[in-house]
Amino acid sequence: MATSKEYLSYILEQLGEIGNISHRAMMGEYVLYYKDKVIGGIYDNRFLVKPVKSAVALLPDAPMETPYEGAKDMLMIEDVENHALMAELMEAMYDELPAPKPKKKRK
């Protein structure tokens, strides 16, 4: 089951106050970025983030879910309407996430 555009809009609206959030469609799902770093994505109408130490510390009771077959488990965000927590989560995760890979130059 692919993610609906309505659910994508809902998540982006909830994260809108944070700023610097972007997304990219990928095979019916969406990868989410914060300040150009991948934080997670929306898979089958579930908002999942990478389980870096700061995210696990802020969300100790969050369920771990697999975004798609063969992928590593991620933390499922259930309280996306808690804007203060979402802002704290994005900032806390940012330093732990890898820098974006440089784009290849086309010849």
C-alpha atoms as a PDB file:
ATOM      1  CA  MET A   1       0.000   0.000   0.000  1.00  0.00           C
ATOM      2  CA  ALA A   2       1.486   3.337  -1.018  1.00  0.00           C
ATOM      3  CA  THR A   3       1.246   6.477   1.070  1.00  0.00           C
ATOM      4  CA  SER A   4      -1.643   8.780   0.229  1.00  0.00           C
ATOM      5  CA  LYS A   5      -1.016  12.371  -0.783  1.00  0.00           C
ATOM      6  CA  GLU A   6      -3.443  13.385   1.969  1.00  0.00           C
ATOM      7  CA  TYR A   7      -1.269  11.750   4.637  1.00  0.00           C
ATOM      8  CA  LEU A   8       1.862  13.352   3.158  1.00  0.00           C
ATOM      9  CA  SER A   9       0.131  16.760   3.297  1.00  0.00           C
ATOM     10  CA  TYR A  10      -0.928  16.143   6.898  1.00  0.00           C
ATOM     11  CA  ILE A  11       2.629  15.268   8.021  1.00  0.00           C
ATOM     12  CA  LEU A  12       4.153  18.210   6.147  1.00  0.00           C
ATOM     13  CA  GLU A  13       1.556  20.527   7.700  1.00  0.00           C
ATOM     14  CA  GLN A  14       2.416  19.271  11.203  1.00  0.00           C
ATOM     15  CA  LEU A  15       6.152  19.755  10.577  1.00  0.00           C
ATOM     16  CA  GLY A  16       5.649  23.083   8.792  1.00  0.00           C
ATOM     17  CA  GLU A  17       6.440  25.253  11.801  1.00  0.00           C
ATOM     18  CA  ILE A  18       9.880  23.655  12.116  1.00  0.00           C
ATOM     19  CA  GLY A  19      11.018  24.855   8.696  1.00  0.00           C
ATOM     20  CA  ASN A  20      13.729  23.345   6.482  1.00  0.00           C
ATOM     21  CA  ILE A  21      11.619  20.194   5.900  1.00  0.00           C
ATOM     22  CA  SER A  22      11.528  18.822   2.387  1.00  0.00           C
ATOM     23  CA  HIS A  23      10.516  15.557   0.768  1.00  0.00           C
ATOM     24  CA  ARG A  24      11.117  13.459  -2.304  1.00  0.00           C
ATOM     25  CA  ALA A  25       8.815  10.848  -3.798  1.00  0.00           C
ATOM     26  CA  MET A  26      10.320   7.403  -4.067  1.00  0.00           C
ATOM     27  CA  MET A  27       8.376   4.368  -5.324  1.00  0.00           C
ATOM     28  CA  GLY A  28       5.010   5.476  -3.937  1.00  0.00           C
ATOM     29  CA  GLU A  29       6.505   6.555  -0.625  1.00  0.00           C
ATOM     30  CA  TYR A  30       8.302   9.710   0.540  1.00  0.00           C
ATOM     31  CA  VAL A  31      11.759  10.358   1.949  1.00  0.00           C
ATOM     32  CA  LEU A  32      11.822  13.286   4.390  1.00  0.00           C
ATOM     33  CA  TYR A  33      14.728  15.681   4.852  1.00  0.00           C
ATOM     34  CA  TYR A  34      15.571  18.184   7.561  1.00  0.00           C
ATOM     35  CA  LYS A  35      18.157  20.760   6.452  1.00  0.00           C
ATOM     36  CA  ASP A  36      19.052  18.453   3.544  1.00  0.00           C
ATOM     37  CA  LYS A  37      19.738  15.408   5.761  1.00  0.00           C
ATOM     38  CA  VAL A  38      17.520  12.320   5.561  1.00  0.00           C
ATOM     39  CA  ILE A  39      15.563  12.009   8.803  1.00  0.00           C
ATOM     40  CA  GLY A  40      13.240   9.238   7.731  1.00  0.00           C
ATOM     41  CA  GLY A  41      10.177   8.982   5.594  1.00  0.00           C
ATOM     42  CA  ILE A  42       6.532   8.229   5.144  1.00  0.00           C
ATOM     43  CA  TYR A  43       5.856   4.577   4.358  1.00  0.00           C
ATOM     44  CA  ASP A  44       2.371   3.065   4.060  1.00  0.00           C
ATOM     45  CA  ASN A  45       0.886   6.117   5.822  1.00  0.00           C
ATOM     46  CA  ARG A  46       3.329   5.817   8.738  1.00  0.00           C
ATOM     47  CA  PHE A  47       5.817   8.541   9.691  1.00  0.00           C
ATOM     48  CA  LEU A  48       9.098   6.775  10.498  1.00  0.00           C
ATOM     49  CA  VAL A  49      12.428   8.292  11.548  1.00  0.00           C
ATOM     50  CA  LYS A  50      15.921   6.885  11.787  1.00  0.00           C
ATOM     51  CA  PRO A  51      16.610   5.361  15.212  1.00  0.00           C
ATOM     52  CA  VAL A  52      19.643   7.477  16.094  1.00  0.00           C
ATOM     53  CA  LYS A  53      20.520   7.729  19.817  1.00  0.00           C
ATOM     54  CA  SER A  54      18.840  11.098  20.343  1.00  0.00           C
ATOM     55  CA  ALA A  55      15.593   9.944  18.709  1.00  0.00           C
ATOM     56  CA  VAL A  56      15.483   6.786  20.839  1.00  0.00           C
ATOM     57  CA  ALA A  57      16.173   8.876  23.954  1.00  0.00           C
ATOM     58  CA  LEU A  58      13.366  11.342  23.152  1.00  0.00           C
ATOM     59  CA  LEU A  59      10.920   8.598  22.114  1.00  0.00           C
ATOM     60  CA  PRO A  60      11.713   5.631  24.378  1.00  0.00           C
ATOM     61  CA  ASP A  61       8.273   4.065  23.930  1.00  0.00           C
ATOM     62  CA  ALA A  62       8.012   4.528  20.157  1.00  0.00           C
ATOM     63  CA  PRO A  63       7.419   1.273  18.306  1.00  0.00           C
ATOM     64  CA  MET A  64      10.072   0.056  15.883  1.00  0.00           C
ATOM     65  CA  GLU A  65       8.666  -0.724  12.440  1.00  0.00           C
ATOM     66  CA  THR A  66      10.079  -1.845   9.118  1.00  0.00           C
ATOM     67  CA  PRO A  67       9.419   0.696   6.361  1.00  0.00           C
ATOM     68  CA  TYR A  68       9.581  -1.952   3.621  1.00  0.00           C
ATOM     69  CA  GLU A  69      10.825  -5.485   3.186  1.00  0.00           C
ATOM     70  CA  GLY A  70      14.572  -5.774   3.662  1.00  0.00           C
ATOM     71  CA  ALA A  71      14.964  -2.369   5.337  1.00  0.00           C
ATOM     72  CA  LYS A  72      16.229  -1.651   8.847  1.00  0.00           C
ATOM     73  CA  ASP A  73      13.647  -0.884  11.519  1.00  0.00           C
ATOM     74  CA  MET A  74      12.796   2.739  12.192  1.00  0.00           C
ATOM     75  CA  LEU A  75      10.954   4.581  14.970  1.00  0.00           C
ATOM     76  CA  MET A  76       7.271   5.209  14.284  1.00  0.00           C
ATOM     77  CA  ILE A  77       6.116   8.687  15.265  1.00  0.00           C
ATOM     78  CA  GLU A  78       2.647   8.498  16.754  1.00  0.00           C
ATOM     79  CA  ASP A  79       2.315  12.030  18.193  1.00  0.00           C
ATOM     80  CA  VAL A  80       3.231  14.167  15.198  1.00  0.00           C
ATOM     81  CA  GLU A  81       0.837  16.861  16.458  1.00  0.00           C
ATOM     82  CA  ASN A  82       3.166  17.547  19.405  1.00  0.00           C
ATOM     83  CA  HIS A  83       4.950  20.373  17.609  1.00  0.00           C
ATOM     84  CA  ALA A  84       7.389  21.129  20.434  1.00  0.00           C
ATOM     85  CA  LEU A  85       8.504  17.497  20.555  1.00  0.00           C
ATOM     86  CA  MET A  86       8.837  17.316  16.757  1.00  0.00           C
ATOM     87  CA  ALA A  87      11.016  20.446  16.708  1.00  0.00           C
ATOM     88  CA  GLU A  88      13.171  19.076  19.541  1.00  0.00           C
ATOM     89  CA  LEU A  89      13.443  15.728  17.737  1.00  0.00           C
ATOM     90  CA  MET A  90      14.583  17.262  14.431  1.00  0.00           C
ATOM     91  CA  GLU A  91      17.235  19.416  16.119  1.00  0.00           C
ATOM     92  CA  ALA A  92      18.474  16.550  18.301  1.00  0.00           C
ATOM     93  CA  MET A  93      18.741  14.146  15.361  1.00  0.00           C
ATOM     94  CA  TYR A  94      20.428  16.576  12.995  1.00  0.00           C
ATOM     95  CA  ASP A  95      24.005  16.276  14.320  1.00  0.00           C
ATOM     96  CA  GLU A  96      23.829  12.468  14.371  1.00  0.00           C
ATOM     97  CA  LEU A  97      22.684  12.119  10.779  1.00  0.00           C
ATOM     98  CA  PRO A  98      25.201  11.694   7.972  1.00  0.00           C
ATOM     99  CA  ALA A  99      25.888  14.639   5.700  1.00  0.00           C
ATOM    100  CA  PRO A 100      24.222  14.465   2.306  1.00  0.00           C
ATOM    101  CA  LYS A 101      26.295  12.822  -0.384  1.00  0.00           C
ATOM    102  CA  PRO A 102      27.651  15.258  -2.954  1.00  0.00           C
ATOM    103  CA  LYS A 103      25.737  15.195  -6.210  1.00  0.00           C
ATOM    104  CA  LYS A 104      27.535  13.667  -9.152  1.00  0.00           C
ATOM    105  CA  LYS A 105      28.368  16.039 -11.956  1.00  0.00           C
ATOM    106  CA  ARG A 106      26.910  15.178 -15.327  1.00  0.00           C
ATOM    107  CA  LYS A 107      29.202  15.187 -18.313  1.00  0.00           C
END
